[in-house]
């Protein structure tokens, strides 16, 4: 038995994804500053780069160590029409997460604060 995710999906006979949450619009916003690419530090070891693809009208994600974020079903880059980056309160969780006794982290996403919305190649500051 293979441990390759693509092979496992093929062996499981998983049906392809045939739905989308909503249709994309071809009208792009033009009021925010144009930001063709940006990085989001998620953790010490994860800092993906998001790049706007005008042909796809969305953003592709790339990790420095693993490359582009690829859809396992169609082997194409995943395209996000909108990326929201929130600055949130982060604290040490009370639960022990692993055998070495390390505690996890909690992200309080409803703590308020600034955020950036990236859509149509533009960036909008929100609160």
N, C-alpha and C. Protein backbone atom coordinates (compact mmCIF):
# COMPACT_ATOMS: atom_id res chain seq x y z
N UNK A 1 0.84 -1.18 0.00
CA UNK A 1 0.00 0.00 0.00
C UNK A 1 0.89 1.24 0.00
N UNK A 2 0.55 2.19 -0.84
CA UNK A 2 1.32 3.42 -0.97
C UNK A 2 0.94 4.42 0.12
N UNK A 3 1.92 5.25 0.52
CA UNK A 3 1.62 6.33 1.46
C UNK A 3 1.49 7.67 0.72
N UNK A 4 1.61 7.65 -0.61
CA UNK A 4 1.45 8.84 -1.41
C UNK A 4 -0.03 9.25 -1.40
N UNK A 5 -0.35 10.50 -0.99
CA UNK A 5 -1.75 10.91 -0.90
C UNK A 5 -2.52 10.76 -2.21
N UNK A 6 -1.88 11.06 -3.34
CA UNK A 6 -2.56 10.95 -4.63
C UNK A 6 -2.93 9.50 -4.90
N UNK A 7 -2.01 8.57 -4.60
CA UNK A 7 -2.29 7.14 -4.78
C UNK A 7 -3.39 6.67 -3.85
N UNK A 8 -3.36 7.14 -2.60
CA UNK A 8 -4.40 6.75 -1.64
C UNK A 8 -5.77 7.22 -2.09
N UNK A 9 -5.85 8.44 -2.60
CA UNK A 9 -7.13 8.96 -3.08
C UNK A 9 -7.63 8.13 -4.26
N UNK A 10 -6.71 7.79 -5.17
CA UNK A 10 -7.09 6.96 -6.31
C UNK A 10 -7.58 5.59 -5.86
N UNK A 11 -6.90 4.99 -4.87
CA UNK A 11 -7.31 3.68 -4.37
C UNK A 11 -8.66 3.75 -3.66
N UNK A 12 -8.94 4.86 -3.01
CA UNK A 12 -10.20 5.00 -2.28
C UNK A 12 -11.37 5.26 -3.22
N UNK A 13 -11.07 5.64 -4.45
CA UNK A 13 -12.13 5.92 -5.41
C UNK A 13 -12.92 7.17 -5.07
N UNK A 14 -12.25 8.16 -4.47
CA UNK A 14 -12.94 9.39 -4.08
C UNK A 14 -13.45 10.12 -5.32
N UNK A 15 -14.70 10.58 -5.29
CA UNK A 15 -15.23 11.31 -6.45
C UNK A 15 -14.58 12.68 -6.57
N UNK A 16 -14.49 13.21 -7.78
CA UNK A 16 -13.90 14.55 -7.94
C UNK A 16 -14.80 15.62 -7.35
N UNK A 17 -14.21 16.73 -6.99
CA UNK A 17 -14.97 17.86 -6.48
C UNK A 17 -15.62 18.56 -7.66
N UNK A 18 -16.94 18.71 -7.62
CA UNK A 18 -17.65 19.29 -8.76
C UNK A 18 -18.48 20.52 -8.40
N UNK A 19 -18.31 21.05 -7.21
CA UNK A 19 -19.10 22.19 -6.78
C UNK A 19 -18.18 23.33 -6.35
N UNK A 20 -18.72 24.52 -6.31
CA UNK A 20 -18.01 25.71 -5.84
C UNK A 20 -18.94 26.46 -4.91
N UNK A 21 -18.39 27.11 -3.91
CA UNK A 21 -19.22 27.84 -2.95
C UNK A 21 -19.99 28.98 -3.60
N UNK A 22 -19.37 29.70 -4.52
CA UNK A 22 -20.03 30.79 -5.21
C UNK A 22 -19.30 31.07 -6.51
N UNK A 23 -20.00 31.70 -7.42
CA UNK A 23 -19.39 32.02 -8.72
C UNK A 23 -18.46 33.21 -8.56
N UNK A 24 -17.41 33.21 -9.35
CA UNK A 24 -16.48 34.34 -9.33
C UNK A 24 -17.03 35.46 -10.21
N UNK A 25 -16.68 36.66 -9.87
CA UNK A 25 -17.06 37.81 -10.68
C UNK A 25 -15.85 38.27 -11.48
N UNK A 26 -16.09 38.77 -12.67
CA UNK A 26 -14.97 39.25 -13.48
C UNK A 26 -14.65 40.72 -13.17
N UNK A 27 -15.52 41.39 -12.42
CA UNK A 27 -15.29 42.80 -12.07
C UNK A 27 -14.37 42.87 -10.85
N UNK A 28 -13.20 43.45 -11.02
CA UNK A 28 -12.22 43.54 -9.95
C UNK A 28 -12.30 44.88 -9.23
N UNK A 29 -12.11 44.90 -7.90
CA UNK A 29 -12.07 46.18 -7.19
C UNK A 29 -10.80 46.94 -7.57
N UNK A 30 -10.88 48.26 -7.52
CA UNK A 30 -9.72 49.06 -7.94
C UNK A 30 -9.38 50.17 -6.95
N UNK A 31 -9.99 50.20 -5.77
CA UNK A 31 -9.76 51.32 -4.87
C UNK A 31 -8.59 51.13 -3.91
N UNK A 32 -8.23 49.91 -3.57
CA UNK A 32 -7.11 49.67 -2.66
C UNK A 32 -5.80 49.65 -3.42
N UNK A 33 -4.67 49.77 -2.72
CA UNK A 33 -3.37 49.71 -3.40
C UNK A 33 -3.15 48.34 -4.04
N UNK A 34 -2.51 48.35 -5.20
CA UNK A 34 -2.20 47.11 -5.90
C UNK A 34 -1.08 46.39 -5.15
N UNK A 35 -1.33 45.15 -4.73
CA UNK A 35 -0.34 44.32 -4.03
C UNK A 35 -0.28 42.99 -4.77
N UNK A 36 0.68 42.80 -5.67
CA UNK A 36 0.70 41.58 -6.47
C UNK A 36 1.13 40.33 -5.70
N UNK A 37 1.85 40.51 -4.58
CA UNK A 37 2.36 39.36 -3.82
C UNK A 37 2.61 39.79 -2.38
N UNK A 38 2.36 38.87 -1.43
CA UNK A 38 2.60 39.18 -0.02
C UNK A 38 2.87 37.90 0.75
N UNK A 39 3.55 38.05 1.89
CA UNK A 39 3.84 36.91 2.77
C UNK A 39 3.04 37.04 4.05
N UNK A 40 2.66 35.88 4.61
CA UNK A 40 1.89 35.85 5.85
C UNK A 40 2.62 34.95 6.84
N UNK A 41 3.28 35.52 7.86
CA UNK A 41 3.94 34.67 8.87
C UNK A 41 2.88 34.03 9.78
N UNK A 42 2.67 32.73 9.60
CA UNK A 42 1.69 32.00 10.39
C UNK A 42 2.33 31.45 11.66
N UNK A 43 3.57 31.00 11.54
CA UNK A 43 4.31 30.47 12.68
C UNK A 43 5.80 30.64 12.38
N UNK A 44 6.65 30.17 13.32
CA UNK A 44 8.10 30.27 13.08
C UNK A 44 8.52 29.46 11.86
N UNK A 45 7.80 28.39 11.55
CA UNK A 45 8.18 27.53 10.45
C UNK A 45 7.30 27.63 9.22
N UNK A 46 6.32 28.52 9.23
CA UNK A 46 5.39 28.59 8.10
C UNK A 46 5.14 30.04 7.72
N UNK A 47 5.65 30.41 6.54
CA UNK A 47 5.46 31.76 6.01
C UNK A 47 5.12 31.66 4.53
N UNK A 48 3.86 31.37 4.21
CA UNK A 48 3.50 31.23 2.81
C UNK A 48 3.51 32.57 2.08
N UNK A 49 3.76 32.50 0.78
CA UNK A 49 3.67 33.66 -0.10
C UNK A 49 2.43 33.50 -0.95
N UNK A 50 1.62 34.53 -1.00
CA UNK A 50 0.42 34.55 -1.84
C UNK A 50 0.71 35.48 -3.02
N UNK A 51 0.40 35.03 -4.24
CA UNK A 51 0.67 35.81 -5.45
C UNK A 51 -0.61 35.91 -6.27
N UNK A 52 -0.96 37.13 -6.68
CA UNK A 52 -2.17 37.32 -7.47
C UNK A 52 -1.93 36.87 -8.90
N UNK A 53 -2.85 36.06 -9.42
CA UNK A 53 -2.81 35.58 -10.80
C UNK A 53 -3.99 36.23 -11.54
N UNK A 54 -3.72 37.26 -12.36
CA UNK A 54 -4.82 37.95 -13.04
C UNK A 54 -5.66 37.02 -13.94
N UNK A 55 -5.02 36.05 -14.58
CA UNK A 55 -5.77 35.14 -15.46
C UNK A 55 -6.77 34.30 -14.68
N UNK A 56 -6.41 33.93 -13.45
CA UNK A 56 -7.30 33.12 -12.61
C UNK A 56 -8.18 33.99 -11.72
N UNK A 57 -7.93 35.30 -11.69
CA UNK A 57 -8.65 36.24 -10.84
C UNK A 57 -8.60 35.80 -9.38
N UNK A 58 -7.42 35.38 -8.93
CA UNK A 58 -7.27 34.94 -7.55
C UNK A 58 -5.81 34.78 -7.17
N UNK A 59 -5.60 34.29 -5.95
CA UNK A 59 -4.26 34.15 -5.37
C UNK A 59 -3.85 32.69 -5.28
N UNK A 60 -2.59 32.43 -5.60
CA UNK A 60 -2.02 31.11 -5.39
C UNK A 60 -1.08 31.19 -4.18
N UNK A 61 -0.92 30.06 -3.50
CA UNK A 61 -0.11 30.01 -2.28
C UNK A 61 1.11 29.14 -2.53
N UNK A 62 2.26 29.59 -2.02
CA UNK A 62 3.51 28.83 -2.15
C UNK A 62 4.22 28.85 -0.81
N UNK A 63 4.70 27.68 -0.39
CA UNK A 63 5.50 27.54 0.83
C UNK A 63 6.97 27.46 0.42
N UNK A 64 7.88 28.09 1.19
CA UNK A 64 9.30 28.05 0.84
C UNK A 64 9.86 26.63 0.77
N UNK A 65 9.39 25.73 1.63
CA UNK A 65 9.98 24.39 1.67
C UNK A 65 9.21 23.34 0.87
N UNK A 66 7.94 23.58 0.55
CA UNK A 66 7.17 22.55 -0.15
C UNK A 66 6.63 23.00 -1.50
N UNK A 67 6.80 24.27 -1.84
CA UNK A 67 6.36 24.74 -3.15
C UNK A 67 4.90 25.14 -3.18
N UNK A 68 4.29 25.09 -4.39
CA UNK A 68 2.92 25.56 -4.54
C UNK A 68 1.91 24.64 -3.85
N UNK A 69 0.81 25.23 -3.41
CA UNK A 69 -0.29 24.50 -2.79
C UNK A 69 -1.15 23.96 -3.93
N UNK A 70 -1.15 22.64 -4.10
CA UNK A 70 -1.78 21.99 -5.26
C UNK A 70 -3.04 21.24 -4.84
N UNK A 71 -4.08 21.34 -5.67
CA UNK A 71 -5.31 20.59 -5.47
C UNK A 71 -5.04 19.12 -5.79
N UNK A 72 -5.27 18.24 -4.83
CA UNK A 72 -4.99 16.81 -5.04
C UNK A 72 -5.91 16.20 -6.08
N UNK A 73 -7.07 16.80 -6.32
CA UNK A 73 -8.03 16.25 -7.28
C UNK A 73 -7.63 16.53 -8.72
N UNK A 74 -7.25 17.78 -9.02
CA UNK A 74 -6.96 18.12 -10.42
C UNK A 74 -5.50 18.47 -10.68
N UNK A 75 -4.66 18.40 -9.63
CA UNK A 75 -3.22 18.66 -9.75
C UNK A 75 -2.91 20.09 -10.24
N UNK A 76 -3.82 21.01 -10.02
CA UNK A 76 -3.64 22.42 -10.38
C UNK A 76 -3.47 23.24 -9.10
N UNK A 77 -2.82 24.41 -9.20
CA UNK A 77 -2.71 25.25 -8.00
C UNK A 77 -4.10 25.64 -7.48
N UNK A 78 -4.25 25.63 -6.16
CA UNK A 78 -5.49 26.11 -5.54
C UNK A 78 -5.51 27.63 -5.69
N UNK A 79 -6.64 28.16 -6.11
CA UNK A 79 -6.79 29.61 -6.31
C UNK A 79 -7.83 30.13 -5.33
N UNK A 80 -7.41 31.09 -4.51
CA UNK A 80 -8.32 31.74 -3.55
C UNK A 80 -8.69 33.11 -4.11
N UNK A 81 -9.97 33.38 -4.27
CA UNK A 81 -10.37 34.68 -4.82
C UNK A 81 -10.11 35.81 -3.83
N UNK A 82 -10.15 35.49 -2.53
CA UNK A 82 -9.93 36.48 -1.48
C UNK A 82 -9.11 35.85 -0.37
N UNK A 83 -8.14 36.59 0.16
CA UNK A 83 -7.35 36.14 1.31
C UNK A 83 -7.52 37.19 2.41
N UNK A 84 -7.92 36.73 3.59
CA UNK A 84 -8.08 37.62 4.74
C UNK A 84 -6.98 37.30 5.75
N UNK A 85 -6.22 38.31 6.14
CA UNK A 85 -5.15 38.15 7.12
C UNK A 85 -5.56 38.92 8.37
N UNK A 86 -5.74 38.19 9.47
CA UNK A 86 -6.13 38.82 10.73
C UNK A 86 -4.96 38.85 11.70
N UNK A 87 -4.81 39.95 12.43
CA UNK A 87 -3.87 40.00 13.53
C UNK A 87 -4.69 39.67 14.78
N UNK A 88 -4.34 38.57 15.44
CA UNK A 88 -5.14 38.09 16.56
C UNK A 88 -4.28 37.91 17.81
N UNK A 89 -4.95 37.84 18.95
CA UNK A 89 -4.28 37.56 20.21
C UNK A 89 -3.91 36.08 20.24
N UNK A 90 -2.64 35.79 20.49
CA UNK A 90 -2.15 34.40 20.57
C UNK A 90 -1.65 34.17 21.98
N UNK A 91 -2.03 33.03 22.57
CA UNK A 91 -1.60 32.71 23.93
C UNK A 91 -1.30 31.22 24.04
N UNK A 92 -0.58 30.86 25.07
CA UNK A 92 -0.26 29.45 25.31
C UNK A 92 -1.52 28.75 25.80
N UNK A 93 -1.84 27.62 25.19
CA UNK A 93 -3.02 26.83 25.57
C UNK A 93 -2.71 26.02 26.83
N UNK A 94 -3.70 25.72 27.63
CA UNK A 94 -3.46 24.94 28.85
C UNK A 94 -3.18 23.46 28.57
N UNK A 95 -3.61 22.97 27.43
CA UNK A 95 -3.45 21.55 27.11
C UNK A 95 -2.03 21.24 26.65
N UNK A 96 -1.52 20.09 27.09
CA UNK A 96 -0.23 19.59 26.60
C UNK A 96 -0.50 18.93 25.26
N UNK A 97 0.29 19.31 24.25
CA UNK A 97 0.04 18.86 22.88
C UNK A 97 0.86 17.65 22.45
N UNK A 98 2.00 17.39 23.10
CA UNK A 98 2.82 16.26 22.65
C UNK A 98 3.53 15.60 23.83
N UNK A 99 4.25 14.52 23.53
CA UNK A 99 4.89 13.73 24.58
C UNK A 99 6.03 14.46 25.28
N UNK A 100 6.55 15.51 24.68
CA UNK A 100 7.63 16.25 25.32
C UNK A 100 7.10 17.29 26.31
N UNK A 101 5.78 17.40 26.43
CA UNK A 101 5.18 18.33 27.38
C UNK A 101 4.93 19.72 26.84
N UNK A 102 5.10 19.91 25.54
CA UNK A 102 4.88 21.23 24.94
C UNK A 102 3.39 21.57 24.92
N UNK A 103 3.11 22.82 25.22
CA UNK A 103 1.74 23.30 25.17
C UNK A 103 1.45 23.86 23.78
N UNK A 104 0.21 23.76 23.36
CA UNK A 104 -0.21 24.32 22.08
C UNK A 104 -0.45 25.82 22.20
N UNK A 105 -0.88 26.40 21.13
CA UNK A 105 -1.17 27.83 21.09
C UNK A 105 -2.65 28.02 20.76
N UNK A 106 -3.23 29.04 21.35
CA UNK A 106 -4.61 29.41 21.04
C UNK A 106 -4.61 30.73 20.29
N UNK A 107 -5.41 30.80 19.24
CA UNK A 107 -5.58 32.03 18.47
C UNK A 107 -7.00 32.53 18.70
N UNK A 108 -7.12 33.69 19.30
CA UNK A 108 -8.43 34.26 19.60
C UNK A 108 -8.88 35.10 18.41
N UNK A 109 -9.62 34.47 17.48
CA UNK A 109 -9.98 35.15 16.23
C UNK A 109 -11.08 36.19 16.40
N UNK A 110 -11.74 36.22 17.55
CA UNK A 110 -12.77 37.25 17.75
C UNK A 110 -12.32 38.31 18.75
N UNK A 111 -11.00 38.49 18.88
CA UNK A 111 -10.46 39.46 19.83
C UNK A 111 -10.45 40.89 19.29
N UNK A 112 -10.86 41.08 18.05
CA UNK A 112 -10.83 42.42 17.45
C UNK A 112 -9.43 42.72 16.94
N UNK A 113 -9.29 43.86 16.33
CA UNK A 113 -7.99 44.24 15.82
C UNK A 113 -7.97 44.36 14.32
N UNK A 114 -6.83 44.75 13.79
CA UNK A 114 -6.73 45.01 12.35
C UNK A 114 -6.69 43.72 11.53
N UNK A 115 -7.03 43.89 10.26
CA UNK A 115 -6.95 42.79 9.30
C UNK A 115 -6.72 43.41 7.92
N UNK A 116 -6.27 42.58 7.01
CA UNK A 116 -6.11 43.00 5.63
C UNK A 116 -6.90 42.02 4.76
N UNK A 117 -7.62 42.57 3.80
CA UNK A 117 -8.36 41.76 2.83
C UNK A 117 -7.68 41.96 1.49
N UNK A 118 -7.26 40.87 0.88
CA UNK A 118 -6.61 40.90 -0.43
C UNK A 118 -7.58 40.29 -1.44
N UNK A 119 -7.96 41.07 -2.44
CA UNK A 119 -8.86 40.57 -3.48
C UNK A 119 -8.62 41.36 -4.75
N UNK A 120 -8.71 40.70 -5.88
CA UNK A 120 -8.52 41.37 -7.15
C UNK A 120 -7.16 42.01 -7.33
N UNK A 121 -6.15 41.54 -6.59
CA UNK A 121 -4.81 42.11 -6.68
C UNK A 121 -4.62 43.34 -5.82
N UNK A 122 -5.65 43.71 -5.06
CA UNK A 122 -5.61 44.91 -4.22
C UNK A 122 -5.71 44.53 -2.75
N UNK A 123 -5.21 45.43 -1.90
CA UNK A 123 -5.24 45.22 -0.45
C UNK A 123 -6.12 46.28 0.20
N UNK A 124 -6.96 45.83 1.14
CA UNK A 124 -7.86 46.73 1.86
C UNK A 124 -7.65 46.51 3.35
N UNK A 125 -7.38 47.59 4.08
CA UNK A 125 -7.25 47.51 5.54
C UNK A 125 -8.64 47.57 6.15
N UNK A 126 -8.90 46.66 7.08
CA UNK A 126 -10.21 46.62 7.75
C UNK A 126 -9.98 46.45 9.24
N UNK A 127 -11.03 46.61 9.99
CA UNK A 127 -10.97 46.42 11.45
C UNK A 127 -12.17 45.65 11.90
